[in-house]
Amino acid sequence: MEFLKNLKLNKWYVIVLYLGVGALIASLSFEIEFIEKKYLFGLGIALIMIGLGFIGSEKTHNEIAFGGILSWPIHKHNFFTVTSILIGIILLGLFGFKIIADLL
């Protein structure tokens, strides 16, 4: 379990990115009988797009204060990060619905 400490799973969008990569790899390498591979592949792409959109928008804000410099992370979105997140959300809804409808 030592390798999990190096993944830096401290933010939700990093976890979403890793879940997307896992879904993508699972769709390409395993034969899953109850889920169609193309829907799992689309779900993985959607999660990766959402995760990368939020990772790309993360910036650090610095401010000079008494006795030093304060810095904290902020999200500053641009056209590409918003587009990536919106397309990812649409794909997530579409392929999530397809997977659930296929299971029923």
N, C-alpha and C. Protein backbone atom coordinates (compact mmCIF):
# COMPACT_ATOMS: atom_id res chain seq x y z
N MET A 1 0.82 -1.20 0.00
CA MET A 1 0.00 0.00 0.00
C MET A 1 0.86 1.26 0.00
N GLU A 2 2.14 1.09 -0.12
CA GLU A 2 3.05 2.23 -0.13
C GLU A 2 2.90 3.08 -1.39
N PHE A 3 2.50 2.44 -2.50
CA PHE A 3 2.37 3.18 -3.75
C PHE A 3 1.18 4.14 -3.73
N LEU A 4 0.18 3.89 -2.89
CA LEU A 4 -0.98 4.78 -2.81
C LEU A 4 -0.62 6.14 -2.22
N LYS A 5 0.42 6.19 -1.40
CA LYS A 5 0.83 7.46 -0.81
C LYS A 5 1.44 8.40 -1.85
N ASN A 6 2.01 7.83 -2.90
CA ASN A 6 2.63 8.63 -3.95
C ASN A 6 1.64 9.17 -4.98
N LEU A 7 0.39 8.71 -4.96
CA LEU A 7 -0.59 9.14 -5.95
C LEU A 7 -1.18 10.51 -5.66
N LYS A 8 -1.04 11.00 -4.45
CA LYS A 8 -1.56 12.32 -4.04
C LYS A 8 -3.07 12.40 -4.29
N LEU A 9 -3.81 11.56 -3.60
CA LEU A 9 -5.26 11.52 -3.73
C LEU A 9 -5.93 12.48 -2.74
N ASN A 10 -5.51 13.72 -2.74
CA ASN A 10 -6.03 14.67 -1.76
C ASN A 10 -7.09 15.60 -2.33
N LYS A 11 -7.40 15.51 -3.60
CA LYS A 11 -8.42 16.35 -4.22
C LYS A 11 -9.39 15.45 -4.99
N TRP A 12 -10.65 15.83 -5.02
CA TRP A 12 -11.66 14.97 -5.64
C TRP A 12 -11.45 14.82 -7.13
N TYR A 13 -10.97 15.85 -7.80
CA TYR A 13 -10.82 15.76 -9.26
C TYR A 13 -9.63 14.90 -9.65
N VAL A 14 -8.67 14.73 -8.78
CA VAL A 14 -7.57 13.80 -9.05
C VAL A 14 -8.09 12.37 -8.95
N ILE A 15 -8.97 12.12 -7.97
CA ILE A 15 -9.58 10.81 -7.83
C ILE A 15 -10.45 10.49 -9.05
N VAL A 16 -11.20 11.50 -9.53
CA VAL A 16 -12.02 11.32 -10.74
C VAL A 16 -11.13 10.99 -11.94
N LEU A 17 -10.00 11.64 -12.05
CA LEU A 17 -9.07 11.36 -13.15
C LEU A 17 -8.57 9.92 -13.07
N TYR A 18 -8.17 9.46 -11.88
CA TYR A 18 -7.69 8.08 -11.73
C TYR A 18 -8.80 7.07 -12.00
N LEU A 19 -10.03 7.37 -11.59
CA LEU A 19 -11.16 6.49 -11.89
C LEU A 19 -11.40 6.40 -13.40
N GLY A 20 -11.26 7.53 -14.09
CA GLY A 20 -11.40 7.54 -15.54
C GLY A 20 -10.34 6.71 -16.23
N VAL A 21 -9.10 6.84 -15.77
CA VAL A 21 -8.02 6.03 -16.35
C VAL A 21 -8.27 4.55 -16.07
N GLY A 22 -8.74 4.24 -14.86
CA GLY A 22 -9.06 2.85 -14.53
C GLY A 22 -10.18 2.29 -15.39
N ALA A 23 -11.23 3.10 -15.61
CA ALA A 23 -12.34 2.66 -16.47
C ALA A 23 -11.88 2.47 -17.90
N LEU A 24 -11.02 3.36 -18.37
CA LEU A 24 -10.50 3.25 -19.74
C LEU A 24 -9.65 2.00 -19.91
N ILE A 25 -8.78 1.74 -18.96
CA ILE A 25 -7.93 0.54 -19.03
C ILE A 25 -8.78 -0.72 -18.91
N ALA A 26 -9.78 -0.68 -18.03
CA ALA A 26 -10.65 -1.86 -17.87
C ALA A 26 -11.43 -2.14 -19.15
N SER A 27 -11.86 -1.09 -19.83
CA SER A 27 -12.63 -1.32 -21.06
C SER A 27 -11.76 -1.88 -22.17
N LEU A 28 -10.47 -1.58 -22.15
CA LEU A 28 -9.58 -2.05 -23.21
C LEU A 28 -8.95 -3.41 -22.92
N SER A 29 -8.88 -3.80 -21.65
CA SER A 29 -8.13 -5.00 -21.35
C SER A 29 -8.95 -6.15 -20.77
N PHE A 30 -10.12 -5.89 -20.19
CA PHE A 30 -10.89 -6.96 -19.58
C PHE A 30 -12.17 -7.21 -20.36
N GLU A 31 -12.64 -8.44 -20.29
CA GLU A 31 -13.91 -8.81 -20.90
C GLU A 31 -14.97 -8.82 -19.79
N ILE A 32 -15.77 -7.76 -19.75
CA ILE A 32 -16.81 -7.62 -18.75
C ILE A 32 -18.13 -7.99 -19.40
N GLU A 33 -18.83 -8.97 -18.85
CA GLU A 33 -20.02 -9.49 -19.51
C GLU A 33 -21.26 -8.61 -19.31
N PHE A 34 -21.36 -7.93 -18.19
CA PHE A 34 -22.60 -7.21 -17.89
C PHE A 34 -22.57 -5.73 -18.26
N ILE A 35 -21.44 -5.22 -18.71
CA ILE A 35 -21.33 -3.83 -19.17
C ILE A 35 -20.69 -3.85 -20.56
N GLU A 36 -21.28 -3.11 -21.47
CA GLU A 36 -20.66 -3.03 -22.79
C GLU A 36 -19.38 -2.21 -22.72
N LYS A 37 -18.38 -2.67 -23.44
CA LYS A 37 -17.06 -2.04 -23.37
C LYS A 37 -17.07 -0.61 -23.91
N LYS A 38 -17.88 -0.34 -24.93
CA LYS A 38 -17.90 1.00 -25.50
C LYS A 38 -18.50 2.02 -24.54
N TYR A 39 -19.45 1.60 -23.70
CA TYR A 39 -20.02 2.52 -22.71
C TYR A 39 -19.02 2.80 -21.59
N LEU A 40 -18.30 1.76 -21.18
CA LEU A 40 -17.28 1.95 -20.14
C LEU A 40 -16.14 2.82 -20.66
N PHE A 41 -15.78 2.65 -21.94
CA PHE A 41 -14.76 3.49 -22.56
C PHE A 41 -15.21 4.95 -22.56
N GLY A 42 -16.45 5.21 -22.96
CA GLY A 42 -16.97 6.57 -22.97
C GLY A 42 -17.03 7.17 -21.58
N LEU A 43 -17.39 6.36 -20.58
CA LEU A 43 -17.41 6.84 -19.19
C LEU A 43 -16.00 7.20 -18.73
N GLY A 44 -15.02 6.40 -19.12
CA GLY A 44 -13.63 6.70 -18.77
C GLY A 44 -13.15 8.00 -19.41
N ILE A 45 -13.48 8.21 -20.67
CA ILE A 45 -13.11 9.46 -21.36
C ILE A 45 -13.76 10.65 -20.68
N ALA A 46 -15.03 10.51 -20.29
CA ALA A 46 -15.74 11.61 -19.63
C ALA A 46 -15.09 11.97 -18.29
N LEU A 47 -14.75 10.96 -17.50
CA LEU A 47 -14.11 11.22 -16.21
C LEU A 47 -12.73 11.84 -16.39
N ILE A 48 -11.99 11.40 -17.39
CA ILE A 48 -10.67 11.98 -17.65
C ILE A 48 -10.81 13.45 -18.06
N MET A 49 -11.79 13.77 -18.88
CA MET A 49 -11.98 15.16 -19.31
C MET A 49 -12.34 16.07 -18.14
N ILE A 50 -13.19 15.58 -17.24
CA ILE A 50 -13.55 16.38 -16.06
C ILE A 50 -12.33 16.58 -15.17
N GLY A 51 -11.60 15.50 -14.92
CA GLY A 51 -10.42 15.61 -14.06
C GLY A 51 -9.36 16.53 -14.63
N LEU A 52 -9.09 16.41 -15.93
CA LEU A 52 -8.08 17.27 -16.55
C LEU A 52 -8.53 18.72 -16.61
N GLY A 53 -9.84 18.95 -16.77
CA GLY A 53 -10.35 20.31 -16.78
C GLY A 53 -10.12 21.02 -15.45
N PHE A 54 -10.35 20.30 -14.36
CA PHE A 54 -10.14 20.92 -13.05
C PHE A 54 -8.66 21.01 -12.69
N ILE A 55 -7.86 20.05 -13.10
CA ILE A 55 -6.42 20.13 -12.84
C ILE A 55 -5.81 21.29 -13.62
N GLY A 56 -6.27 21.50 -14.85
CA GLY A 56 -5.76 22.60 -15.67
C GLY A 56 -6.16 23.97 -15.15
N SER A 57 -7.24 24.04 -14.39
CA SER A 57 -7.70 25.34 -13.89
C SER A 57 -7.11 25.70 -12.54
N GLU A 58 -6.38 24.79 -11.93
CA GLU A 58 -5.83 25.05 -10.59
C GLU A 58 -4.60 25.95 -10.68
N LYS A 59 -4.66 27.05 -10.00
CA LYS A 59 -3.55 28.00 -9.93
C LYS A 59 -3.24 28.28 -8.46
N THR A 60 -2.13 28.91 -8.21
CA THR A 60 -1.75 29.30 -6.85
C THR A 60 -1.78 30.81 -6.74
N HIS A 61 -2.50 31.30 -5.74
CA HIS A 61 -2.58 32.74 -5.49
C HIS A 61 -1.59 33.10 -4.38
N ASN A 62 -0.76 34.09 -4.63
CA ASN A 62 0.24 34.54 -3.66
C ASN A 62 -0.08 35.95 -3.22
N GLU A 63 0.11 36.21 -1.95
CA GLU A 63 -0.14 37.53 -1.40
C GLU A 63 0.90 37.84 -0.33
N ILE A 64 1.45 39.04 -0.40
CA ILE A 64 2.44 39.44 0.59
C ILE A 64 1.70 39.89 1.85
N ALA A 65 2.11 39.32 2.97
CA ALA A 65 1.49 39.65 4.25
C ALA A 65 2.59 39.99 5.24
N PHE A 66 2.21 40.40 6.42
CA PHE A 66 3.19 40.73 7.44
C PHE A 66 3.97 39.48 7.83
N GLY A 67 5.24 39.52 7.63
CA GLY A 67 6.10 38.41 8.03
C GLY A 67 6.30 37.35 6.97
N GLY A 68 5.78 37.51 5.76
CA GLY A 68 6.01 36.50 4.74
C GLY A 68 5.03 36.58 3.60
N ILE A 69 4.93 35.48 2.89
CA ILE A 69 4.06 35.39 1.72
C ILE A 69 3.03 34.29 1.98
N LEU A 70 1.78 34.63 1.79
CA LEU A 70 0.70 33.65 1.90
C LEU A 70 0.37 33.15 0.50
N SER A 71 0.15 31.85 0.38
CA SER A 71 -0.26 31.29 -0.91
C SER A 71 -1.28 30.19 -0.67
N TRP A 72 -2.26 30.13 -1.58
CA TRP A 72 -3.29 29.11 -1.50
C TRP A 72 -3.78 28.80 -2.91
N PRO A 73 -4.31 27.59 -3.09
CA PRO A 73 -4.77 27.21 -4.44
C PRO A 73 -6.14 27.82 -4.75
N ILE A 74 -6.30 28.25 -6.00
CA ILE A 74 -7.59 28.74 -6.49
C ILE A 74 -7.85 28.09 -7.85
N HIS A 75 -9.08 28.18 -8.31
CA HIS A 75 -9.43 27.69 -9.64
C HIS A 75 -9.74 28.88 -10.52
N LYS A 76 -8.99 29.01 -11.59
CA LYS A 76 -9.20 30.07 -12.56
C LYS A 76 -9.41 29.41 -13.92
N HIS A 77 -10.68 29.33 -14.32
CA HIS A 77 -11.03 28.62 -15.54
C HIS A 77 -10.82 29.51 -16.76
N ASN A 78 -10.48 28.86 -17.86
CA ASN A 78 -10.42 29.52 -19.16
C ASN A 78 -11.33 28.76 -20.12
N PHE A 79 -11.32 29.14 -21.37
CA PHE A 79 -12.22 28.53 -22.35
C PHE A 79 -12.01 27.02 -22.46
N PHE A 80 -10.76 26.58 -22.45
CA PHE A 80 -10.47 25.16 -22.66
C PHE A 80 -10.86 24.32 -21.46
N THR A 81 -10.66 24.82 -20.24
CA THR A 81 -11.03 24.04 -19.07
C THR A 81 -12.55 23.95 -18.94
N VAL A 82 -13.25 25.05 -19.21
CA VAL A 82 -14.72 25.02 -19.14
C VAL A 82 -15.28 24.09 -20.21
N THR A 83 -14.73 24.16 -21.42
CA THR A 83 -15.19 23.28 -22.49
C THR A 83 -14.94 21.82 -22.15
N SER A 84 -13.79 21.51 -21.61
CA SER A 84 -13.46 20.13 -21.23
C SER A 84 -14.41 19.63 -20.15
N ILE A 85 -14.67 20.46 -19.16
CA ILE A 85 -15.56 20.05 -18.07
C ILE A 85 -16.99 19.86 -18.58
N LEU A 86 -17.47 20.77 -19.42
CA LEU A 86 -18.84 20.66 -19.91
C LEU A 86 -19.02 19.44 -20.82
N ILE A 87 -18.07 19.20 -21.72
CA ILE A 87 -18.16 18.01 -22.57
C ILE A 87 -18.06 16.75 -21.72
N GLY A 88 -17.21 16.77 -20.71
CA GLY A 88 -17.09 15.61 -19.81
C GLY A 88 -18.38 15.34 -19.05
N ILE A 89 -19.05 16.40 -18.58
CA ILE A 89 -20.31 16.22 -17.86
C ILE A 89 -21.39 15.67 -18.79
N ILE A 90 -21.45 16.18 -20.02
CA ILE A 90 -22.44 15.68 -20.98
C ILE A 90 -22.17 14.20 -21.31
N LEU A 91 -20.91 13.86 -21.54
CA LEU A 91 -20.57 12.46 -21.82
C LEU A 91 -20.82 11.57 -20.62
N LEU A 92 -20.55 12.08 -19.43
CA LEU A 92 -20.79 11.31 -18.21
C LEU A 92 -22.28 11.00 -18.06
N GLY A 93 -23.12 11.99 -18.31
CA GLY A 93 -24.55 11.75 -18.24
C GLY A 93 -25.02 10.77 -19.30
N LEU A 94 -24.52 10.92 -20.52
CA LEU A 94 -24.93 10.04 -21.62
C LEU A 94 -24.51 8.60 -21.37
N PHE A 95 -23.22 8.38 -21.10
CA PHE A 95 -22.74 7.01 -20.94
C PHE A 95 -23.15 6.42 -19.60
N GLY A 96 -23.32 7.25 -18.58
CA GLY A 96 -23.86 6.75 -17.31
C GLY A 96 -25.28 6.24 -17.49
N PHE A 97 -26.09 7.00 -18.23
CA PHE A 97 -27.46 6.56 -18.52
C PHE A 97 -27.46 5.29 -19.36
N LYS A 98 -26.57 5.20 -20.34
CA LYS A 98 -26.50 4.01 -21.19
C LYS A 98 -26.11 2.77 -20.37
N ILE A 99 -25.16 2.93 -19.44
CA ILE A 99 -24.75 1.79 -18.61
C ILE A 99 -25.89 1.35 -17.71
N ILE A 100 -26.56 2.32 -17.08
CA ILE A 100 -27.67 1.97 -16.17
C ILE A 100 -28.82 1.35 -16.96
N ALA A 101 -29.14 1.91 -18.13
CA ALA A 101 -30.22 1.36 -18.94
C ALA A 101 -29.87 -0.04 -19.44
N ASP A 102 -28.61 -0.28 -19.73
CA ASP A 102 -28.17 -1.59 -20.19
C ASP A 102 -28.22 -2.63 -19.07
N LEU A 103 -27.98 -2.20 -17.83
CA LEU A 103 -28.05 -3.13 -16.70
C LEU A 103 -29.48 -3.52 -16.35
N LEU A 104 -30.42 -2.62 -16.63
CA LEU A 104 -31.81 -2.93 -16.32
C LEU A 104 -32.38 -3.72 -17.45
